[in-house]
């Protein structure tokens, strides 16, 4: 079972890098090459998987791919880390709620990126919204 999960995580990691690299050139290709090396190293040394995801983020920032490719890369990154860190754990770690949450957040991010809003003050609301969501989510447990 361990080899199947390890092979699957490597395949998903390569998908993560590949989807971020479409149309990239220059410094983005350097970051993508380093990310591929980190994915391969991540098959043996788990912390390299985290480095691979961070290098893929650098690739996305530098190459500025389409929102669909960035969402695919992000979804692949979540699956890659879950699979890579689940190698030495009991089977069943990759659960339906984990995947539904990852796909749901990817979809919401993709929908949000499709609207061309020009609101420079909008990121200032994010911390307040996070606190409000946290308060609403924990309210039943604190009462």
Foldseek 3Di string as FASTA:
>chain_A
DLVVLLVVLLVLQLLLLVLLCVQDDDPLVVLSVQLNVLSVVCSPPVVSLVVSLVSSVVSCVRRVDDLVSNLSSQLSSQSSNQSSVCSPPDPPSPDPVSNVVSVVVSVVSSVVVVDPDDDPCVVVCVVVVVVVVVCVVCVVVPD
